Amino acid sequence: MSSQPPHSQKPQKVDPSLDPNRELPPDADVEEHFINFWKKQGPGIILFFVILGVGLIGFQTWNYLQERGAEKLKEQYREVLAQDDPAALLSFADGHADKELGGMAYLQVAHREFEKQDFTQALGHYQAAIKGLGEDDVFAQRARLGAAVSQLRLGDDQAGMAGLEDLSFDPNALDSLRAEAAYYLAGERWQANNIAGARQMLLLIQQLPEATMWERAAQSMLNELPKEDQQSGQATTDVTAEIVPNETES
């Protein structure tokens, strides 16, 4: 996966001669702070998204097969998985698009495409997975996350950020997935110079009881955020403010 920030097409103001491990100068702007943070954290974040997505599906597929689906269809799915052939997996998904196992197959296909940075195909198959699985399914929640990140990678900021926000504030979603979505959204808002909005999402993560590793990641980003919103010059350290969705991005 690429180690560039989510919107690599945007101009970067950082002098390439700067040591990424070196402290930024006192007058560094918001984008310089973000680029410096991403150089240190970005590769691990993106790699984790792929590993977690593929690993989660592989680890839980057996349990999923045990609990759901007709026996004949489950056996067909096992045979397709054993082939380890993306084309066969996609063919199975297309043939059972309205069933949960078809949705599972689409999700696996989408993750492989995301890993190859084929975000257009990945987006379509994440969306197909959601339809097959049903939006309340835990795997559909991961498909929603994958779809939103794919949209961001394709330059559709409005749709991608809206998808991340919807998942972040979805009380029916797993805390770990809500936290992951909120973390990515915080990075997007930071890069857009919306420091208050970024801090809002990081504080949300810290309120989720089962945010797991994302709570530590959120604290790390909080430590790197500029102390003031450089657009307004006003301090943004009020952690008691009510955390609600940002209507301007929905």
Protein backbone atom coordinates (compact mmCIF):
# COMPACT_ATOMS: atom_id res chain seq x y z
CA MET A 1 0.00 0.00 0.00
CA SER A 2 1.05 3.58 -0.49
CA SER A 3 2.59 5.38 2.47
CA GLN A 4 1.39 8.77 1.25
CA PRO A 5 -1.31 10.74 3.09
CA PRO A 6 -4.94 9.99 2.10
CA HIS A 7 -4.94 12.78 -0.51
CA SER A 8 -1.54 12.46 -2.11
CA GLN A 9 -2.59 14.66 -5.01
CA LYS A 10 -2.72 17.74 -2.77
CA PRO A 11 0.40 19.93 -2.77
CA GLN A 12 2.77 19.44 0.13
CA LYS A 13 4.50 22.43 1.68
CA VAL A 14 7.16 20.48 3.53
CA ASP A 15 10.76 21.00 2.49
CA PRO A 16 11.91 17.52 1.35
CA SER A 17 15.27 18.13 3.00
CA LEU A 18 13.66 18.11 6.44
CA ASP A 19 14.34 15.05 8.56
CA PRO A 20 10.90 13.44 9.23
CA ASN A 21 12.06 12.48 12.73
CA ARG A 22 13.12 16.00 13.55
CA GLU A 23 10.93 18.37 15.55
CA LEU A 24 9.03 20.86 13.40
CA PRO A 25 9.94 24.54 13.65
CA PRO A 26 7.72 26.69 15.89
CA ASP A 27 6.11 28.42 12.90
CA ALA A 28 5.15 25.17 11.11
CA ASP A 29 1.68 25.35 9.59
CA VAL A 30 -1.17 22.85 9.90
CA GLU A 31 -0.25 20.91 6.78
CA GLU A 32 3.37 20.57 7.86
CA HIS A 33 2.22 19.14 11.18
CA PHE A 34 -0.05 16.67 9.36
CA ILE A 35 2.60 15.57 6.86
CA ASN A 36 5.12 15.10 9.66
CA PHE A 37 2.65 12.95 11.59
CA TRP A 38 1.71 10.92 8.50
CA LYS A 39 5.35 10.21 7.64
CA LYS A 40 5.74 8.57 11.03
CA GLN A 41 2.34 6.87 11.33
CA GLY A 42 0.81 6.58 7.85
CA PRO A 43 2.44 3.38 6.53
CA GLY A 44 1.45 1.41 9.60
CA ILE A 45 -2.11 2.77 9.55
CA ILE A 46 -2.80 1.81 5.93
CA LEU A 47 -1.09 -1.57 6.27
CA PHE A 48 -3.16 -2.26 9.38
CA PHE A 49 -6.37 -1.53 7.48
CA VAL A 50 -5.57 -4.21 4.90
CA ILE A 51 -4.22 -6.79 7.36
CA LEU A 52 -7.14 -6.35 9.74
CA GLY A 53 -9.70 -6.55 6.96
CA VAL A 54 -8.30 -9.67 5.34
CA GLY A 55 -7.35 -11.29 8.64
CA LEU A 56 -10.73 -10.68 10.24
CA ILE A 57 -12.55 -12.25 7.33
CA GLY A 58 -10.23 -15.24 7.13
CA PHE A 59 -10.38 -15.89 10.87
CA GLN A 60 -14.16 -15.65 11.20
CA THR A 61 -15.29 -17.19 7.91
CA TRP A 62 -15.46 -20.69 9.40
CA ASN A 63 -17.73 -19.57 12.24
CA TYR A 64 -19.85 -17.66 9.77
CA LEU A 65 -20.25 -20.76 7.62
CA GLN A 66 -21.22 -22.80 10.65
CA GLU A 67 -24.01 -20.41 11.58
CA ARG A 68 -25.50 -19.28 8.26
CA GLY A 69 -26.50 -20.44 4.83
CA ALA A 70 -27.85 -23.62 3.31
CA GLU A 71 -25.53 -26.61 3.47
CA LYS A 72 -25.14 -26.92 -0.30
CA LEU A 73 -24.28 -23.25 -0.69
CA LYS A 74 -21.84 -23.39 2.21
CA GLU A 75 -20.08 -26.33 0.61
CA GLN A 76 -19.79 -24.43 -2.68
CA TYR A 77 -18.33 -21.48 -0.84
CA ARG A 78 -15.77 -23.68 0.92
CA GLU A 79 -14.70 -25.10 -2.43
CA VAL A 80 -14.26 -21.61 -3.89
CA LEU A 81 -12.22 -20.49 -0.89
CA ALA A 82 -9.99 -23.54 -1.22
CA GLN A 83 -9.17 -22.58 -4.82
CA ASP A 84 -7.74 -19.23 -3.71
CA ASP A 85 -8.76 -17.85 -7.10
CA PRO A 86 -10.06 -14.24 -7.15
CA ALA A 87 -11.94 -14.86 -10.41
CA ALA A 88 -13.74 -17.88 -8.95
CA LEU A 89 -14.56 -15.95 -5.79
CA LEU A 90 -16.01 -13.08 -7.81
CA SER A 91 -18.01 -15.51 -9.94
CA PHE A 92 -19.48 -17.05 -6.79
CA ALA A 93 -20.33 -13.58 -5.45
CA ASP A 94 -22.03 -12.55 -8.70
CA GLY A 95 -24.07 -15.74 -8.71
CA HIS A 96 -25.27 -15.25 -5.12
CA ALA A 97 -25.31 -11.47 -4.82
CA ASP A 98 -28.57 -11.45 -2.85
CA LYS A 99 -27.33 -13.90 -0.22
CA GLU A 100 -25.11 -13.38 2.81
CA LEU A 101 -22.39 -15.71 1.55
CA GLY A 102 -22.38 -13.78 -1.71
CA GLY A 103 -21.84 -10.64 0.33
CA MET A 104 -18.96 -12.31 2.17
CA ALA A 105 -17.38 -13.24 -1.14
CA TYR A 106 -17.73 -9.67 -2.42
CA LEU A 107 -16.08 -8.39 0.74
CA GLN A 108 -13.08 -10.66 0.28
CA VAL A 109 -12.78 -9.63 -3.37
CA ALA A 110 -12.98 -5.95 -2.40
CA HIS A 111 -10.22 -6.25 0.19
CA ARG A 112 -7.89 -7.84 -2.35
CA GLU A 113 -8.65 -5.05 -4.81
CA PHE A 114 -8.07 -2.42 -2.13
CA GLU A 115 -4.70 -3.98 -1.35
CA LYS A 116 -3.81 -3.66 -5.04
CA GLN A 117 -5.00 -0.02 -4.97
CA ASP A 118 -7.76 -0.75 -7.48
CA PHE A 119 -10.12 1.51 -5.56
CA THR A 120 -12.78 1.78 -8.26
CA GLN A 121 -13.37 -1.97 -8.32
CA ALA A 122 -13.01 -2.20 -4.55
CA LEU A 123 -15.68 0.45 -4.01
CA GLY A 124 -18.19 -1.34 -6.21
CA HIS A 125 -17.61 -4.65 -4.48
CA TYR A 126 -17.72 -3.15 -0.99
CA GLN A 127 -21.11 -1.69 -1.89
CA ALA A 128 -22.25 -5.04 -3.28
CA ALA A 129 -21.12 -6.70 -0.05
CA ILE A 130 -23.27 -4.33 2.00
CA LYS A 131 -26.35 -5.23 -0.05
CA GLY A 132 -25.76 -8.95 0.30
CA LEU A 133 -24.92 -8.91 3.99
CA GLY A 134 -27.41 -6.34 5.23
CA GLU A 135 -26.23 -3.11 6.85
CA ASP A 136 -26.46 -4.39 10.44
CA ASP A 137 -24.10 -7.30 9.84
CA VAL A 138 -20.65 -6.84 11.40
CA PHE A 139 -18.98 -7.65 8.09
CA ALA A 140 -21.21 -5.11 6.35
CA GLN A 141 -19.90 -2.53 8.81
CA ARG A 142 -16.37 -3.28 7.65
CA ALA A 143 -17.56 -3.04 4.06
CA ARG A 144 -18.98 0.41 4.85
CA LEU A 145 -15.57 1.42 6.17
CA GLY A 146 -13.82 0.04 3.11
CA ALA A 147 -16.24 1.84 0.79
CA ALA A 148 -15.68 5.17 2.55
CA VAL A 149 -11.89 4.88 2.46
CA SER A 150 -12.04 3.84 -1.21
CA GLN A 151 -14.11 6.93 -2.00
CA LEU A 152 -11.50 9.10 -0.32
CA ARG A 153 -8.75 7.42 -2.31
CA LEU A 154 -10.70 8.15 -5.49
CA GLY A 155 -10.96 11.83 -4.56
CA ASP A 156 -14.65 11.82 -3.60
CA ASP A 157 -14.07 13.64 -0.32
CA GLN A 158 -17.70 14.48 0.38
CA ALA A 159 -18.99 10.91 0.06
CA GLY A 160 -15.99 9.38 1.81
CA MET A 161 -16.08 11.70 4.80
CA ALA A 162 -19.86 11.33 5.07
CA GLY A 163 -19.47 7.55 5.12
CA LEU A 164 -16.82 7.71 7.82
CA GLU A 165 -18.95 10.05 9.91
CA ASP A 166 -22.04 7.85 9.57
CA LEU A 167 -20.11 4.83 10.79
CA SER A 168 -18.38 6.78 13.57
CA PHE A 169 -21.71 7.81 15.09
CA ASP A 170 -23.59 4.56 14.40
CA PRO A 171 -24.58 3.16 17.83
CA ASN A 172 -25.24 -0.26 16.28
CA ALA A 173 -21.69 -0.62 14.94
CA LEU A 174 -18.83 -2.22 16.84
CA ASP A 175 -16.84 0.24 18.94
CA SER A 176 -13.62 -0.87 17.25
CA LEU A 177 -15.01 -0.09 13.78
CA ARG A 178 -16.51 3.20 14.93
CA ALA A 179 -13.14 4.15 16.38
CA GLU A 180 -11.29 3.17 13.22
CA ALA A 181 -13.66 5.25 11.08
CA ALA A 182 -13.37 8.19 13.47
CA TYR A 183 -9.58 7.99 13.35
CA TYR A 184 -9.47 8.13 9.56
CA LEU A 185 -11.96 11.00 9.59
CA ALA A 186 -9.83 12.87 12.11
CA GLY A 187 -6.90 12.62 9.72
CA GLU A 188 -9.00 13.91 6.84
CA ARG A 189 -10.24 16.86 8.87
CA TRP A 190 -6.75 17.67 10.06
CA GLN A 191 -5.47 17.72 6.50
CA ALA A 192 -8.38 20.02 5.58
CA ASN A 193 -7.21 22.40 8.34
CA ASN A 194 -10.30 21.60 10.45
CA ILE A 195 -8.41 21.14 13.70
CA ALA A 196 -11.49 21.42 15.91
CA GLY A 197 -13.25 18.78 13.81
CA ALA A 198 -10.26 16.45 14.00
CA ARG A 199 -10.09 16.83 17.76
CA GLN A 200 -13.84 16.11 17.97
CA MET A 201 -13.39 12.69 16.37
CA LEU A 202 -10.36 11.82 18.48
CA LEU A 203 -12.27 12.63 21.65
CA LEU A 204 -15.14 10.47 20.41
CA ILE A 205 -12.74 7.53 20.14
CA GLN A 206 -11.71 8.01 23.75
CA GLN A 207 -15.36 7.76 24.81
CA LEU A 208 -15.90 4.36 23.17
CA PRO A 209 -15.51 1.59 25.78
CA GLU A 210 -14.06 -0.95 23.34
CA ALA A 211 -12.04 1.26 21.02
CA THR A 212 -9.05 -1.10 21.56
CA MET A 213 -5.81 0.07 19.91
CA TRP A 214 -7.52 3.09 18.36
CA GLU A 215 -7.66 4.84 21.73
CA ARG A 216 -3.86 4.86 21.87
CA ALA A 217 -3.65 5.94 18.23
CA ALA A 218 -6.11 8.77 18.94
CA GLN A 219 -4.03 9.98 21.86
CA SER A 220 -0.94 9.94 19.66
CA MET A 221 -2.67 12.11 17.06
CA LEU A 222 -4.03 14.43 19.75
CA ASN A 223 -0.50 14.96 20.98
CA GLU A 224 0.58 15.98 17.47
CA LEU A 225 -2.36 18.29 16.67
CA PRO A 226 -1.60 22.02 16.62
CA LYS A 227 -2.74 23.64 19.84
CA GLU A 228 -4.88 26.18 18.04
CA ASP A 229 -7.14 26.25 15.02
CA GLN A 230 -4.88 28.22 12.73
CA GLN A 231 -7.79 29.39 10.63
CA SER A 232 -9.42 31.25 13.50
CA GLY A 233 -6.52 31.57 15.93
CA GLN A 234 -8.79 30.37 18.72
CA ALA A 235 -7.82 27.63 21.13
CA THR A 236 -9.63 24.32 20.63
CA THR A 237 -8.94 22.59 23.91
CA ASP A 238 -12.51 22.36 25.24
CA VAL A 239 -12.95 18.63 25.81
CA THR A 240 -16.34 19.07 27.48
CA ALA A 241 -18.15 20.13 24.30
CA GLU A 242 -20.90 17.78 23.16
CA ILE A 243 -19.70 15.43 20.43
CA VAL A 244 -22.22 15.38 17.60
CA PRO A 245 -22.00 14.76 13.84
CA ASN A 246 -20.69 17.63 11.74
CA GLU A 247 -23.69 18.60 9.60
CA THR A 248 -21.54 20.43 7.07
CA GLU A 249 -20.00 17.15 5.92
CA SER A 250 -23.15 15.02 5.87
